PDB file of all heavy atoms in Angstrom:
ATOM      1  N   TYR A   1     -93.401 119.061  32.993  1.00  0.00           N
ATOM      2  CA  TYR A   1     -94.054 118.790  31.692  1.00  0.00           C
ATOM      3  C   TYR A   1     -93.172 119.230  30.517  1.00  0.00           C
ATOM      4  O   TYR A   1     -92.484 120.198  30.693  1.00  0.00           O
ATOM      5  CB  TYR A   1     -95.383 119.504  31.709  1.00  0.00           C
ATOM      6  CG  TYR A   1     -96.311 119.132  32.812  1.00  0.00           C
ATOM      7  CD1 TYR A   1     -96.363 119.958  34.004  1.00  0.00           C
ATOM      8  CD2 TYR A   1     -97.151 118.096  32.874  1.00  0.00           C
ATOM      9  CE1 TYR A   1     -97.198 119.745  34.942  1.00  0.00           C
ATOM     10  CE2 TYR A   1     -97.918 117.762  33.997  1.00  0.00           C
ATOM     11  CZ  TYR A   1     -97.907 118.602  35.040  1.00  0.00           C
ATOM     12  OH  TYR A   1     -98.812 118.352  36.030  1.00  0.00           O
ATOM     13  N   LEU A   2     -93.333 118.634  29.451  1.00  0.00           N
ATOM     14  CA  LEU A   2     -92.772 119.056  28.308  1.00  0.00           C
ATOM     15  C   LEU A   2     -93.891 119.149  27.136  1.00  0.00           C
ATOM     16  O   LEU A   2     -94.404 118.085  26.759  1.00  0.00           O
ATOM     17  CB  LEU A   2     -91.661 118.146  27.780  1.00  0.00           C
ATOM     18  CG  LEU A   2     -90.934 118.734  26.557  1.00  0.00           C
ATOM     19  CD1 LEU A   2     -90.128 119.917  26.910  1.00  0.00           C
ATOM     20  CD2 LEU A   2     -89.940 117.619  25.966  1.00  0.00           C
ATOM     21  N   GLN A   3     -94.378 120.296  26.703  1.00  0.00           N
ATOM     22  CA  GLN A   3     -95.310 120.467  25.744  1.00  0.00           C
ATOM     23  C   GLN A   3     -94.580 120.665  24.492  1.00  0.00           C
ATOM     24  O   GLN A   3     -93.697 121.494  24.250  1.00  0.00           O
ATOM     25  CB  GLN A   3     -96.105 121.772  26.002  1.00  0.00           C
ATOM     26  CG  GLN A   3     -97.177 122.015  24.895  1.00  0.00           C
ATOM     27  CD  GLN A   3     -98.277 121.038  24.887  1.00  0.00           C
ATOM     28  OE1 GLN A   3     -98.791 120.571  25.891  1.00  0.00           O
ATOM     29  NE2 GLN A   3     -98.732 120.649  23.650  1.00  0.00           N
ATOM     30  N   MET A   4     -94.940 119.669  23.552  1.00  0.00           N
ATOM     31  CA  MET A   4     -94.212 119.626  22.198  1.00  0.00           C
ATOM     32  C   MET A   4     -95.110 120.031  21.243  1.00  0.00           C
ATOM     33  O   MET A   4     -96.177 119.258  20.949  1.00  0.00           O
ATOM     34  CB  MET A   4     -93.599 118.300  22.091  1.00  0.00           C
ATOM     35  CG  MET A   4     -92.633 117.893  23.155  1.00  0.00           C
ATOM     36  SD  MET A   4     -91.839 116.306  22.863  1.00  0.00           S
ATOM     37  CE  MET A   4     -93.343 115.210  23.256  1.00  0.00           C
ATOM     38  N   ASN A   5     -94.975 121.066  20.432  1.00  0.00           N
ATOM     39  CA  ASN A   5     -95.819 121.447  19.430  1.00  0.00           C
ATOM     40  C   ASN A   5     -95.040 121.420  18.036  1.00  0.00           C
ATOM     41  O   ASN A   5     -93.847 121.430  18.009  1.00  0.00           O
ATOM     42  CB  ASN A   5     -96.334 122.874  19.583  1.00  0.00           C
ATOM     43  CG  ASN A   5     -97.175 122.984  20.916  1.00  0.00           C
ATOM     44  OD1 ASN A   5     -97.938 122.005  21.263  1.00  0.00           O
ATOM     45  ND2 ASN A   5     -97.170 124.124  21.494  1.00  0.00           N
ATOM     46  N   SER A   6     -95.802 121.488  17.019  1.00  0.00           N
ATOM     47  CA  SER A   6     -95.134 121.426  15.574  1.00  0.00           C
ATOM     48  C   SER A   6     -94.033 120.428  15.500  1.00  0.00           C
ATOM     49  O   SER A   6     -92.935 120.580  15.050  1.00  0.00           O
ATOM     50  CB  SER A   6     -94.448 122.832  15.378  1.00  0.00           C
ATOM     51  OG  SER A   6     -95.468 123.946  15.413  1.00  0.00           O
ATOM     52  N   LEU A   7     -94.508 119.154  15.958  1.00  0.00           N
ATOM     53  CA  LEU A   7     -93.585 118.076  15.993  1.00  0.00           C
ATOM     54  C   LEU A   7     -93.112 117.699  14.613  1.00  0.00           C
ATOM     55  O   LEU A   7     -93.757 117.795  13.604  1.00  0.00           O
ATOM     56  CB  LEU A   7     -94.165 116.912  16.659  1.00  0.00           C
ATOM     57  CG  LEU A   7     -94.214 117.031  18.181  1.00  0.00           C
ATOM     58  CD1 LEU A   7     -95.183 116.046  18.809  1.00  0.00           C
ATOM     59  CD2 LEU A   7     -92.752 116.748  18.746  1.00  0.00           C
ATOM     60  N   LYS A   8     -91.825 117.240  14.522  1.00  0.00           N
ATOM     61  CA  LYS A   8     -91.208 116.902  13.219  1.00  0.00           C
ATOM     62  C   LYS A   8     -90.701 115.395  13.269  1.00  0.00           C
ATOM     63  O   LYS A   8     -90.455 114.935  14.458  1.00  0.00           O
ATOM     64  CB  LYS A   8     -89.973 117.824  13.062  1.00  0.00           C
ATOM     65  CG  LYS A   8     -90.235 119.308  12.883  1.00  0.00           C
ATOM     66  CD  LYS A   8     -88.954 120.072  12.755  1.00  0.00           C
ATOM     67  CE  LYS A   8     -89.229 121.561  12.742  1.00  0.00           C
ATOM     68  NZ  LYS A   8     -87.964 122.316  12.587  1.00  0.00           N
ATOM     69  N   PRO A   9     -90.644 114.757  12.199  1.00  0.00           N
ATOM     70  CA  PRO A   9     -90.028 113.399  12.251  1.00  0.00           C
ATOM     71  C   PRO A   9     -88.736 113.232  12.987  1.00  0.00           C
ATOM     72  O   PRO A   9     -88.579 112.293  13.708  1.00  0.00           O
ATOM     73  CB  PRO A   9     -89.959 112.982  10.855  1.00  0.00           C
ATOM     74  CG  PRO A   9     -90.986 113.762  10.171  1.00  0.00           C
ATOM     75  CD  PRO A   9     -90.976 115.127  10.868  1.00  0.00           C
ATOM     76  N   GLU A  10     -87.956 114.334  12.884  1.00  0.00           N
ATOM     77  CA  GLU A  10     -86.608 114.235  13.550  1.00  0.00           C
ATOM     78  C   GLU A  10     -86.705 114.398  15.113  1.00  0.00           C
ATOM     79  O   GLU A  10     -85.714 114.177  15.809  1.00  0.00           O
ATOM     80  CB  GLU A  10     -85.736 115.351  13.009  1.00  0.00           C
ATOM     81  CG  GLU A  10     -86.253 116.742  12.923  1.00  0.00           C
ATOM     82  CD  GLU A  10     -86.771 117.050  11.535  1.00  0.00           C
ATOM     83  OE1 GLU A  10     -87.571 116.148  10.977  1.00  0.00           O
ATOM     84  OE2 GLU A  10     -86.598 118.153  11.073  1.00  0.00           O
ATOM     85  N   ASP A  11     -87.948 114.651  15.603  1.00  0.00           N
ATOM     86  CA  ASP A  11     -88.115 114.652  17.112  1.00  0.00           C
ATOM     87  C   ASP A  11     -88.388 113.298  17.542  1.00  0.00           C
ATOM     88  O   ASP A  11     -88.413 113.022  18.820  1.00  0.00           O
ATOM     89  CB  ASP A  11     -89.335 115.508  17.444  1.00  0.00           C
ATOM     90  CG  ASP A  11     -89.060 117.027  17.086  1.00  0.00           C
ATOM     91  OD1 ASP A  11     -88.006 117.440  17.397  1.00  0.00           O
ATOM     92  OD2 ASP A  11     -90.001 117.688  16.542  1.00  0.00           O
ATOM     93  N   THR A  12     -88.532 112.296  16.686  1.00  0.00           N
ATOM     94  CA  THR A  12     -88.763 110.953  17.165  1.00  0.00           C
ATOM     95  C   THR A  12     -87.526 110.422  17.991  1.00  0.00           C
ATOM     96  O   THR A  12     -86.374 110.461  17.557  1.00  0.00           O
ATOM     97  CB  THR A  12     -88.844 110.024  15.910  1.00  0.00           C
ATOM     98  OG1 THR A  12     -90.066 110.388  15.201  1.00  0.00           O
ATOM     99  CG2 THR A  12     -88.926 108.514  16.308  1.00  0.00           C
ATOM    100  N   ALA A  13     -87.832 109.869  19.121  1.00  0.00           N
ATOM    101  CA  ALA A  13     -86.781 109.479  20.112  1.00  0.00           C
ATOM    102  C   ALA A  13     -87.443 109.036  21.412  1.00  0.00           C
ATOM    103  O   ALA A  13     -88.717 109.056  21.551  1.00  0.00           O
ATOM    104  CB  ALA A  13     -85.813 110.662  20.462  1.00  0.00           C
ATOM    105  N   VAL A  14     -86.548 108.346  22.189  1.00  0.00           N
ATOM    106  CA  VAL A  14     -87.027 108.068  23.529  1.00  0.00           C
ATOM    107  C   VAL A  14     -86.665 109.219  24.449  1.00  0.00           C
ATOM    108  O   VAL A  14     -85.497 109.678  24.390  1.00  0.00           O
ATOM    109  CB  VAL A  14     -86.362 106.726  24.042  1.00  0.00           C
ATOM    110  CG1 VAL A  14     -86.739 106.561  25.526  1.00  0.00           C
ATOM    111  CG2 VAL A  14     -86.715 105.507  23.252  1.00  0.00           C
ATOM    112  N   TYR A  15     -87.664 109.726  25.149  1.00  0.00           N
ATOM    113  CA  TYR A  15     -87.499 110.973  25.960  1.00  0.00           C
ATOM    114  C   TYR A  15     -87.383 110.526  27.292  1.00  0.00           C
ATOM    115  O   TYR A  15     -88.243 109.787  27.888  1.00  0.00           O
ATOM    116  CB  TYR A  15     -88.744 111.960  25.773  1.00  0.00           C
ATOM    117  CG  TYR A  15     -88.684 112.653  24.401  1.00  0.00           C
ATOM    118  CD1 TYR A  15     -88.775 112.009  23.257  1.00  0.00           C
ATOM    119  CD2 TYR A  15     -88.313 114.034  24.400  1.00  0.00           C
ATOM    120  CE1 TYR A  15     -88.724 112.736  22.073  1.00  0.00           C
ATOM    121  CE2 TYR A  15     -88.285 114.731  23.247  1.00  0.00           C
ATOM    122  CZ  TYR A  15     -88.514 114.065  22.040  1.00  0.00           C
ATOM    123  OH  TYR A  15     -88.439 114.736  20.881  1.00  0.00           O
ATOM    124  N   TYR A  16     -86.268 111.024  28.015  1.00  0.00           N
ATOM    125  CA  TYR A  16     -85.926 110.651  29.393  1.00  0.00           C
ATOM    126  C   TYR A  16     -86.028 111.772  30.244  1.00  0.00           C
ATOM    127  O   TYR A  16     -85.532 112.953  29.995  1.00  0.00           O
ATOM    128  CB  TYR A  16     -84.491 110.036  29.463  1.00  0.00           C
ATOM    129  CG  TYR A  16     -84.279 108.836  28.797  1.00  0.00           C
ATOM    130  CD1 TYR A  16     -83.936 108.755  27.446  1.00  0.00           C
ATOM    131  CD2 TYR A  16     -84.451 107.495  29.354  1.00  0.00           C
ATOM    132  CE1 TYR A  16     -83.678 107.584  26.744  1.00  0.00           C
ATOM    133  CE2 TYR A  16     -84.337 106.327  28.674  1.00  0.00           C
ATOM    134  CZ  TYR A  16     -83.893 106.339  27.377  1.00  0.00           C
ATOM    135  OH  TYR A  16     -83.684 105.167  26.758  1.00  0.00           O
ATOM    136  N   CYS A  17     -86.665 111.637  31.360  1.00  0.00           N
ATOM    137  CA  CYS A  17     -86.760 112.605  32.422  1.00  0.00           C
ATOM    138  C   CYS A  17     -85.457 112.578  33.144  1.00  0.00           C
ATOM    139  O   CYS A  17     -84.977 111.467  33.497  1.00  0.00           O
ATOM    140  CB  CYS A  17     -87.982 112.431  33.336  1.00  0.00           C
ATOM    141  SG  CYS A  17     -88.119 113.652  34.587  1.00  0.00           S
ATOM    142  N   ASN A  18     -85.034 113.608  33.583  1.00  0.00           N
ATOM    143  CA  ASN A  18     -83.685 113.731  34.437  1.00  0.00           C
ATOM    144  C   ASN A  18     -83.873 114.746  35.528  1.00  0.00           C
ATOM    145  O   ASN A  18     -84.580 115.741  35.449  1.00  0.00           O
ATOM    146  CB  ASN A  18     -82.580 114.336  33.451  1.00  0.00           C
ATOM    147  CG  ASN A  18     -81.321 114.684  34.287  1.00  0.00           C
ATOM    148  OD1 ASN A  18     -81.138 115.852  34.632  1.00  0.00           O
ATOM    149  ND2 ASN A  18     -80.519 113.682  34.492  1.00  0.00           N
ATOM    150  N   ALA A  19     -83.253 114.339  36.650  1.00  0.00           N
ATOM    151  CA  ALA A  19     -83.332 115.239  37.850  1.00  0.00           C
ATOM    152  C   ALA A  19     -81.850 115.230  38.392  1.00  0.00           C
ATOM    153  O   ALA A  19     -81.162 114.140  38.301  1.00  0.00           O
ATOM    154  CB  ALA A  19     -84.229 114.695  38.912  1.00  0.00           C
ATOM    155  N   VAL A  20     -81.431 116.316  38.838  1.00  0.00           N
ATOM    156  CA  VAL A  20     -80.123 116.509  39.498  1.00  0.00           C
ATOM    157  C   VAL A  20     -80.285 116.913  40.908  1.00  0.00           C
ATOM    158  O   VAL A  20     -80.943 117.925  41.235  1.00  0.00           O
ATOM    159  CB  VAL A  20     -79.219 117.571  38.698  1.00  0.00           C
ATOM    160  CG1 VAL A  20     -77.881 117.717  39.279  1.00  0.00           C
ATOM    161  CG2 VAL A  20     -79.189 117.205  37.223  1.00  0.00           C
ATOM    162  N   ALA A  21     -79.523 116.154  41.739  1.00  0.00           N
ATOM    163  CA  ALA A  21     -79.592 116.476  43.137  1.00  0.00           C
ATOM    164  C   ALA A  21     -78.244 116.287  43.768  1.00  0.00           C
ATOM    165  O   ALA A  21     -77.764 115.197  43.637  1.00  0.00           O
ATOM    166  CB  ALA A  21     -80.765 115.643  43.949  1.00  0.00           C
ATOM    167  N   PHE A  22     -77.649 117.188  44.246  1.00  0.00           N
ATOM    168  CA  PHE A  22     -76.245 117.085  44.889  1.00  0.00           C
ATOM    169  C   PHE A  22     -75.280 116.595  43.960  1.00  0.00           C
ATOM    170  O   PHE A  22     -74.588 115.626  44.276  1.00  0.00           O
ATOM    171  CB  PHE A  22     -76.307 116.333  46.256  1.00  0.00           C
ATOM    172  CG  PHE A  22     -77.259 116.881  47.242  1.00  0.00           C
ATOM    173  CD1 PHE A  22     -78.492 116.292  47.468  1.00  0.00           C
ATOM    174  CD2 PHE A  22     -76.898 118.015  47.972  1.00  0.00           C
ATOM    175  CE1 PHE A  22     -79.447 116.881  48.412  1.00  0.00           C
ATOM    176  CE2 PHE A  22     -77.686 118.491  48.982  1.00  0.00           C
ATOM    177  CZ  PHE A  22     -78.966 117.987  49.122  1.00  0.00           C
ATOM    178  N   THR A  23     -75.319 117.054  42.688  1.00  0.00           N
ATOM    179  CA  THR A  23     -74.521 116.631  41.646  1.00  0.00           C
ATOM    180  C   THR A  23     -74.760 115.185  41.151  1.00  0.00           C
ATOM    181  O   THR A  23     -74.037 114.726  40.152  1.00  0.00           O
ATOM    182  CB  THR A  23     -73.005 116.727  41.898  1.00  0.00           C
ATOM    183  OG1 THR A  23     -72.617 115.668  42.789  1.00  0.00           O
ATOM    184  CG2 THR A  23     -72.643 118.159  42.504  1.00  0.00           C
ATOM    185  N   ARG A  24     -75.781 114.487  41.708  1.00  0.00           N
ATOM    186  CA  ARG A  24     -76.069 113.169  41.138  1.00  0.00           C
ATOM    187  C   ARG A  24     -77.228 113.255  40.167  1.00  0.00           C
ATOM    188  O   ARG A  24     -78.146 113.958  40.455  1.00  0.00           O
ATOM    189  CB  ARG A  24     -76.370 112.292  42.380  1.00  0.00           C
ATOM    190  CG  ARG A  24     -76.740 110.818  41.988  1.00  0.00           C
ATOM    191  CD  ARG A  24     -76.900 109.990  43.182  1.00  0.00           C
ATOM    192  NE  ARG A  24     -77.259 108.614  42.733  1.00  0.00           N
ATOM    193  CZ  ARG A  24     -77.346 107.621  43.672  1.00  0.00           C
ATOM    194  NH1 ARG A  24     -77.182 107.820  44.864  1.00  0.00           N
ATOM    195  NH2 ARG A  24     -77.723 106.464  43.192  1.00  0.00           N
ATOM    196  N   ASN A  25     -77.093 112.499  39.161  1.00  0.00           N
ATOM    197  CA  ASN A  25     -78.158 112.459  38.090  1.00  0.00           C
ATOM    198  C   ASN A  25     -79.135 111.198  38.314  1.00  0.00           C
ATOM    199  O   ASN A  25     -78.593 110.160  38.560  1.00  0.00           O
ATOM    200  CB  ASN A  25     -77.512 112.387  36.734  1.00  0.00           C
ATOM    201  CG  ASN A  25     -77.132 113.670  36.134  1.00  0.00           C
ATOM    202  OD1 ASN A  25     -77.930 114.469  35.744  1.00  0.00           O
ATOM    203  ND2 ASN A  25     -75.847 113.884  36.314  1.00  0.00           N
ATOM    204  N   TYR A  26     -80.346 111.485  38.129  1.00  0.00           N
ATOM    205  CA  TYR A  26     -81.296 110.453  38.252  1.00  0.00           C
ATOM    206  C   TYR A  26     -82.149 110.403  36.891  1.00  0.00           C
ATOM    207  O   TYR A  26     -82.373 111.456  36.357  1.00  0.00           O
ATOM    208  CB  TYR A  26     -82.326 110.707  39.342  1.00  0.00           C
ATOM    209  CG  TYR A  26     -81.679 110.718  40.661  1.00  0.00           C
ATOM    210  CD1 TYR A  26     -81.102 111.858  41.239  1.00  0.00           C
ATOM    211  CD2 TYR A  26     -81.577 109.429  41.485  1.00  0.00           C
ATOM    212  CE1 TYR A  26     -80.561 111.876  42.497  1.00  0.00           C
ATOM    213  CE2 TYR A  26     -80.955 109.419  42.705  1.00  0.00           C
ATOM    214  CZ  TYR A  26     -80.394 110.614  43.243  1.00  0.00           C
ATOM    215  OH  TYR A  26     -79.829 110.602  44.416  1.00  0.00           O
ATOM    216  N   TRP A  27     -82.476 109.300  36.476  1.00  0.00           N
ATOM    217  CA  TRP A  27     -83.183 109.084  35.224  1.00  0.00           C
ATOM    218  C   TRP A  27     -84.450 108.249  35.344  1.00  0.00           C
ATOM    219  O   TRP A  27     -84.639 107.322  36.129  1.00  0.00           O
ATOM    220  CB  TRP A  27     -82.331 108.377  34.165  1.00  0.00           C
ATOM    221  CG  TRP A  27     -81.004 109.106  33.904  1.00  0.00           C
ATOM    222  CD1 TRP A  27     -79.823 108.904  34.464  1.00  0.00           C
ATOM    223  CD2 TRP A  27     -80.907 110.199  32.951  1.00  0.00           C
ATOM    224  NE1 TRP A  27     -78.907 109.837  33.993  1.00  0.00           N
ATOM    225  CE2 TRP A  27     -79.494 110.633  33.038  1.00  0.00           C
ATOM    226  CE3 TRP A  27     -81.652 110.762  32.026  1.00  0.00           C
ATOM    227  CZ2 TRP A  27     -79.046 111.650  32.208  1.00  0.00           C
ATOM    228  CZ3 TRP A  27     -81.206 111.792  31.181  1.00  0.00           C
ATOM    229  CH2 TRP A  27     -79.856 112.242  31.257  1.00  0.00           C
ATOM    230  N   GLY A  28     -85.508 108.671  34.504  1.00  0.00           N
ATOM    231  CA  GLY A  28     -86.646 107.892  34.262  1.00  0.00           C
ATOM    232  C   GLY A  28     -86.449 106.738  33.329  1.00  0.00           C
ATOM    233  O   GLY A  28     -85.396 106.649  32.874  1.00  0.00           O
ATOM    234  N   GLN A  29     -87.494 105.975  33.156  1.00  0.00           N
ATOM    235  CA  GLN A  29     -87.292 104.738  32.355  1.00  0.00           C
ATOM    236  C   GLN A  29     -87.423 105.085  30.815  1.00  0.00           C
ATOM    237  O   GLN A  29     -87.074 104.330  30.029  1.00  0.00           O
ATOM    238  CB  GLN A  29     -88.486 103.746  32.756  1.00  0.00           C
ATOM    239  CG  GLN A  29     -89.821 104.024  32.097  1.00  0.00           C
ATOM    240  CD  GLN A  29     -90.612 105.135  32.911  1.00  0.00           C
ATOM    241  OE1 GLN A  29     -90.119 105.715  33.830  1.00  0.00           O
ATOM    242  NE2 GLN A  29     -91.810 105.348  32.408  1.00  0.00           N
ATOM    243  N   GLY A  30     -87.882 106.386  30.598  1.00  0.00           N
ATOM    244  CA  GLY A  30     -87.993 106.749  29.145  1.00  0.00           C
ATOM    245  C   GLY A  30     -89.500 106.618  28.611  1.00  0.00           C
ATOM    246  O   GLY A  30     -90.132 105.592  29.007  1.00  0.00           O
ATOM    247  N   THR A  31     -89.796 107.452  27.689  1.00  0.00           N
ATOM    248  CA  THR A  31     -91.096 107.307  27.113  1.00  0.00           C
ATOM    249  C   THR A  31     -90.865 107.578  25.603  1.00  0.00           C
ATOM    250  O   THR A  31     -90.149 108.507  25.240  1.00  0.00           O
ATOM    251  CB  THR A  31     -92.166 108.301  27.637  1.00  0.00           C
ATOM    252  OG1 THR A  31     -93.476 107.911  27.005  1.00  0.00           O
ATOM    253  CG2 THR A  31     -91.797 109.775  27.484  1.00  0.00           C
ATOM    254  N   GLN A  32     -91.530 106.631  24.734  1.00  0.00           N
ATOM    255  CA  GLN A  32     -91.206 106.827  23.244  1.00  0.00           C
ATOM    256  C   GLN A  32     -92.142 107.863  22.625  1.00  0.00           C
ATOM    257  O   GLN A  32     -93.320 107.842  22.858  1.00  0.00           O
ATOM    258  CB  GLN A  32     -91.490 105.406  22.617  1.00  0.00           C
ATOM    259  CG  GLN A  32     -91.336 105.482  21.103  1.00  0.00           C
ATOM    260  CD  GLN A  32     -89.953 105.621  20.607  1.00  0.00           C
ATOM    261  OE1 GLN A  32     -89.026 104.940  21.149  1.00  0.00           O
ATOM    262  NE2 GLN A  32     -89.724 106.508  19.702  1.00  0.00           N
ATOM    263  N   VAL A  33     -91.503 108.713  21.819  1.00  0.00           N
ATOM    264  CA  VAL A  33     -92.264 109.673  20.996  1.00  0.00           C
ATOM    265  C   VAL A  33     -91.860 109.407  19.650  1.00  0.00           C
ATOM    266  O   VAL A  33     -90.760 109.445  19.254  1.00  0.00           O
ATOM    267  CB  VAL A  33     -91.897 111.118  21.449  1.00  0.00           C
ATOM    268  CG1 VAL A  33     -92.580 112.114  20.441  1.00  0.00           C
ATOM    269  CG2 VAL A  33     -92.306 111.469  22.875  1.00  0.00           C
TER     270      VAL A  33
END
């Protein structure tokens, strides 16, 4: 989870989940904030 408080306009972005396993990166599809 990512709890985001006191949000600012500059926090606007697509947020991507990332996982690392055996030096390989995996990505989610992204969620708009």
